[in-house]
Amino acid sequence: MSKHKYGYMEESEQKEYKAKAILKDETRVLTLKEYRMLKEHLSPEYNAICDVLLHTGMRMPELRKFAENPDWYDGRRRCIELPRKAIRKEKTLFKYRQINLTIDGCKAVDHFQKLILANMRIPTRQSMIGVLCRAAVAAQLPDGDKGIQPKMFRKTLVSLLMKVYPERMLEIANNMGHTLDVMQTYYVNLSMAPDDFTDAKKFLKGWGNTE
């Protein structure tokens, strides 16, 4: 039940609010429900690429380097070791980082690497924006293609991690290659519907070999 000025309302009487896009610095943060809806309108190859981007939080240039260097992945330890040459962003303080994976994240990476061996090509950023925007509109996501771009997968992952594991901010910052100042400025206090939070906990179960 929820309270209003005349007393309490039954769940069936509560107002239903229209879903809105979650944006951080004009980039979309997807709920996992929205992500599943988006995937229904993407090709198998795009699904594989987007799955890896979401599970790893890699930037597009890092993904390209990883595709050329599959040995950076350690399935036994459930992680990817990104060396200095993979991290192309000049402003970052982290010239090396370890990316933690869940079991599902490992499955996504395994599938991605099989498709790369079968000559799957990674599209340009501009091509991806067009495909993702069209898929968002076709999927009827809240606010359509607002904020849709490849880096939304990275922002989605770090936002979900901070919501589920706020006490692990330092570990998450190192995993993503962010400073604590960036984490505290942009990724603390994300509001989330209860069912979206439940989805996030299931998605991230076992991240960093904790469960």
Protein backbone atom coordinates (compact mmCIF):
# COMPACT_ATOMS: atom_id res chain seq x y z
CA MET A 1 0.00 0.00 0.00
CA SER A 2 1.07 3.62 -0.49
CA LYS A 3 -0.05 6.67 1.47
CA HIS A 4 -1.80 9.78 0.16
CA LYS A 5 -3.65 12.57 1.95
CA TYR A 6 -6.84 10.53 2.33
CA GLY A 7 -5.16 7.40 3.66
CA TYR A 8 -3.71 4.40 1.81
CA MET A 9 -4.23 3.06 -1.69
CA GLU A 10 -4.20 -0.57 -2.72
CA GLU A 11 -1.53 -1.52 -5.26
CA SER A 12 -4.20 -1.76 -7.95
CA GLU A 13 -5.21 1.86 -7.28
CA GLN A 14 -1.72 3.35 -7.57
CA LYS A 15 -1.00 5.62 -10.50
CA GLU A 16 0.99 4.17 -13.38
CA TYR A 17 3.69 6.51 -14.62
CA LYS A 18 4.99 6.62 -18.17
CA ALA A 19 8.52 5.26 -18.53
CA LYS A 20 11.16 7.82 -19.46
CA ALA A 21 14.67 7.47 -20.82
CA ILE A 22 17.46 7.56 -18.21
CA LEU A 23 20.20 9.91 -19.41
CA LYS A 24 23.67 10.69 -18.09
CA ASP A 25 25.43 13.56 -19.85
CA GLU A 26 23.08 13.12 -22.86
CA THR A 27 23.91 9.41 -23.17
CA ARG A 28 21.28 6.73 -22.52
CA VAL A 29 21.50 4.40 -19.53
CA LEU A 30 19.46 1.36 -20.47
CA THR A 31 17.41 -0.73 -18.12
CA LEU A 32 17.92 -4.43 -18.80
CA LYS A 33 14.32 -4.67 -19.98
CA GLU A 34 15.04 -1.96 -22.55
CA TYR A 35 18.19 -3.79 -23.59
CA ARG A 36 16.25 -7.00 -24.21
CA MET A 37 13.72 -5.05 -26.27
CA LEU A 38 16.53 -3.46 -28.29
CA LYS A 39 18.15 -6.81 -29.01
CA GLU A 40 15.00 -8.13 -30.64
CA HIS A 41 15.61 -5.66 -33.48
CA LEU A 42 19.33 -6.33 -33.97
CA SER A 43 21.13 -8.92 -36.08
CA PRO A 44 22.94 -11.85 -34.39
CA GLU A 45 26.26 -10.12 -35.07
CA TYR A 46 25.12 -6.86 -33.50
CA ASN A 47 23.71 -8.78 -30.55
CA ALA A 48 27.11 -10.40 -29.97
CA ILE A 49 28.94 -7.07 -30.16
CA CYS A 50 26.48 -5.28 -27.89
CA ASP A 51 26.53 -8.12 -25.36
CA VAL A 52 30.31 -7.81 -25.03
CA LEU A 53 30.16 -4.02 -24.80
CA LEU A 54 27.57 -4.26 -22.02
CA HIS A 55 29.29 -7.03 -20.05
CA THR A 56 32.78 -5.49 -20.29
CA GLY A 57 32.19 -1.75 -20.44
CA MET A 58 34.92 -1.46 -23.06
CA ARG A 59 35.19 1.57 -25.32
CA MET A 60 34.86 0.90 -29.07
CA PRO A 61 38.63 1.30 -29.77
CA GLU A 62 39.33 -1.13 -26.92
CA LEU A 63 36.87 -3.64 -28.36
CA ARG A 64 38.65 -3.49 -31.73
CA LYS A 65 42.01 -4.15 -30.10
CA PHE A 66 40.53 -6.97 -28.04
CA ALA A 67 39.12 -8.59 -31.20
CA GLU A 68 42.68 -8.70 -32.53
CA ASN A 69 44.09 -10.04 -29.26
CA PRO A 70 41.85 -12.82 -27.90
CA ASP A 71 44.58 -13.96 -25.50
CA TRP A 72 43.84 -10.95 -23.28
CA TYR A 73 40.81 -12.92 -22.08
CA ASP A 74 41.26 -15.30 -19.15
CA GLY A 75 38.14 -17.41 -18.83
CA ARG A 76 39.39 -19.27 -15.77
CA ARG A 77 39.81 -16.03 -13.83
CA ARG A 78 36.74 -14.47 -15.49
CA CYS A 79 38.47 -11.32 -16.61
CA ILE A 80 40.05 -9.46 -19.52
CA GLU A 81 43.49 -7.87 -19.07
CA LEU A 82 43.71 -4.68 -21.13
CA PRO A 83 47.36 -3.65 -21.64
CA ARG A 84 48.67 -0.15 -22.30
CA LYS A 85 48.33 -0.40 -26.09
CA ALA A 86 44.58 -1.16 -25.80
CA ILE A 87 43.67 1.94 -23.79
CA ARG A 88 43.67 4.72 -26.35
CA LYS A 89 41.88 7.44 -24.41
CA GLU A 90 44.52 10.06 -23.68
CA LYS A 91 42.84 11.65 -20.63
CA THR A 92 42.56 8.42 -18.64
CA LEU A 93 44.88 7.93 -15.67
CA PHE A 94 44.74 4.16 -16.12
CA LYS A 95 47.20 2.81 -18.69
CA TYR A 96 46.36 -0.79 -17.80
CA ARG A 97 43.26 -2.32 -16.32
CA GLN A 98 41.54 -5.60 -15.52
CA ILE A 99 37.92 -6.03 -16.58
CA ASN A 100 35.87 -8.32 -14.34
CA LEU A 101 33.24 -10.59 -15.85
CA THR A 102 30.25 -12.56 -14.66
CA ILE A 103 29.66 -16.11 -15.90
CA ASP A 104 27.22 -14.73 -18.50
CA GLY A 105 29.86 -12.16 -19.43
CA CYS A 106 32.30 -14.99 -20.12
CA LYS A 107 29.69 -16.68 -22.31
CA ALA A 108 29.24 -13.42 -24.24
CA VAL A 109 32.99 -13.11 -24.78
CA ASP A 110 33.29 -16.76 -25.88
CA HIS A 111 30.53 -16.26 -28.45
CA PHE A 112 32.04 -12.98 -29.65
CA GLN A 113 35.43 -14.58 -30.19
CA LYS A 114 33.89 -17.45 -32.18
CA LEU A 115 32.22 -14.93 -34.50
CA ILE A 116 35.47 -12.97 -34.86
CA LEU A 117 37.21 -16.20 -35.92
CA ALA A 118 34.41 -16.63 -38.46
CA ASN A 119 35.35 -13.20 -39.91
CA MET A 120 32.73 -11.03 -38.22
CA ARG A 121 33.64 -7.37 -38.72
CA ILE A 122 33.11 -4.71 -36.07
CA PRO A 123 31.17 -1.78 -37.56
CA THR A 124 32.25 1.84 -37.33
CA ARG A 125 30.89 3.98 -34.53
CA GLN A 126 28.78 5.95 -37.00
CA SER A 127 27.28 2.78 -38.49
CA MET A 128 26.47 1.50 -35.03
CA ILE A 129 24.71 4.71 -34.07
CA GLY A 130 22.42 4.41 -37.10
CA VAL A 131 21.61 0.75 -36.47
CA LEU A 132 21.05 1.22 -32.75
CA CYS A 133 18.84 4.27 -33.23
CA ARG A 134 16.65 2.47 -35.76
CA ALA A 135 16.40 -0.53 -33.42
CA ALA A 136 15.44 1.73 -30.49
CA VAL A 137 12.63 3.28 -32.50
CA ALA A 138 11.44 -0.11 -33.77
CA ALA A 139 11.51 -1.47 -30.20
CA GLN A 140 9.46 1.53 -29.03
CA LEU A 141 11.87 2.32 -26.22
CA PRO A 142 10.83 5.21 -23.96
CA ASP A 143 11.73 8.46 -25.75
CA GLY A 144 12.75 6.53 -28.87
CA ASP A 145 16.37 6.99 -29.90
CA LYS A 146 17.15 9.74 -27.40
CA GLY A 147 20.70 9.28 -26.08
CA ILE A 148 21.26 6.09 -28.09
CA GLN A 149 24.93 5.55 -29.00
CA PRO A 150 27.59 2.84 -28.50
CA LYS A 151 29.03 4.31 -25.30
CA MET A 152 25.65 3.84 -23.60
CA PHE A 153 26.64 0.21 -22.90
CA ARG A 154 29.66 1.39 -20.89
CA LYS A 155 27.58 3.97 -19.00
CA THR A 156 24.88 1.38 -18.38
CA LEU A 157 27.32 -1.13 -16.90
CA VAL A 158 29.02 1.31 -14.53
CA SER A 159 25.62 2.72 -13.47
CA LEU A 160 24.30 -0.76 -12.68
CA LEU A 161 27.48 -1.74 -10.84
CA MET A 162 27.30 1.35 -8.65
CA LYS A 163 23.64 0.72 -7.90
CA VAL A 164 24.16 -2.92 -6.93
CA TYR A 165 27.65 -2.69 -5.37
CA PRO A 166 28.06 0.89 -4.04
CA GLU A 167 30.51 -0.29 -1.39
CA ARG A 168 32.88 -1.46 -4.18
CA MET A 169 33.35 1.95 -5.80
CA LEU A 170 37.16 1.72 -5.90
CA GLU A 171 37.08 -1.69 -7.59
CA ILE A 172 34.45 -0.49 -10.09
CA ALA A 173 36.46 2.67 -10.83
CA ASN A 174 39.56 0.61 -11.61
CA ASN A 175 37.53 -1.82 -13.69
CA MET A 176 36.13 1.02 -15.82
CA GLY A 177 39.24 3.19 -15.86
CA HIS A 178 37.56 6.08 -14.01
CA THR A 179 38.79 8.23 -11.14
CA LEU A 180 36.83 8.28 -7.90
CA ASP A 181 35.93 11.91 -8.63
CA VAL A 182 34.24 10.85 -11.87
CA MET A 183 32.45 8.00 -10.10
CA GLN A 184 31.14 10.30 -7.35
CA THR A 185 30.13 13.05 -9.78
CA TYR A 186 28.29 10.96 -12.38
CA TYR A 187 27.42 7.51 -11.04
CA VAL A 188 26.19 7.84 -7.46
CA ASN A 189 22.50 7.92 -6.57
CA LEU A 190 20.88 6.46 -9.68
CA SER A 191 17.15 6.01 -9.10
CA MET A 192 15.74 2.76 -10.40
CA ALA A 193 12.34 1.05 -10.41
CA PRO A 194 12.22 -2.00 -8.10
CA ASP A 195 11.90 -4.53 -10.93
CA ASP A 196 14.81 -2.90 -12.79
CA PHE A 197 16.94 -3.17 -9.64
CA THR A 198 16.06 -6.86 -9.30
CA ASP A 199 17.07 -7.35 -12.95
CA ALA A 200 20.38 -5.58 -12.30
CA LYS A 201 21.23 -7.82 -9.32
CA LYS A 202 20.60 -10.95 -11.38
CA PHE A 203 22.63 -9.59 -14.30
CA LEU A 204 25.64 -8.76 -12.12
CA LYS A 205 25.61 -11.84 -9.89
CA GLY A 206 29.14 -13.12 -9.46
CA TRP A 207 30.83 -10.02 -10.87
CA GLY A 208 34.43 -10.02 -9.68
CA ASN A 209 34.14 -13.64 -8.46
CA THR A 210 32.24 -12.61 -5.33
CA GLU A 211 29.45 -15.22 -5.50
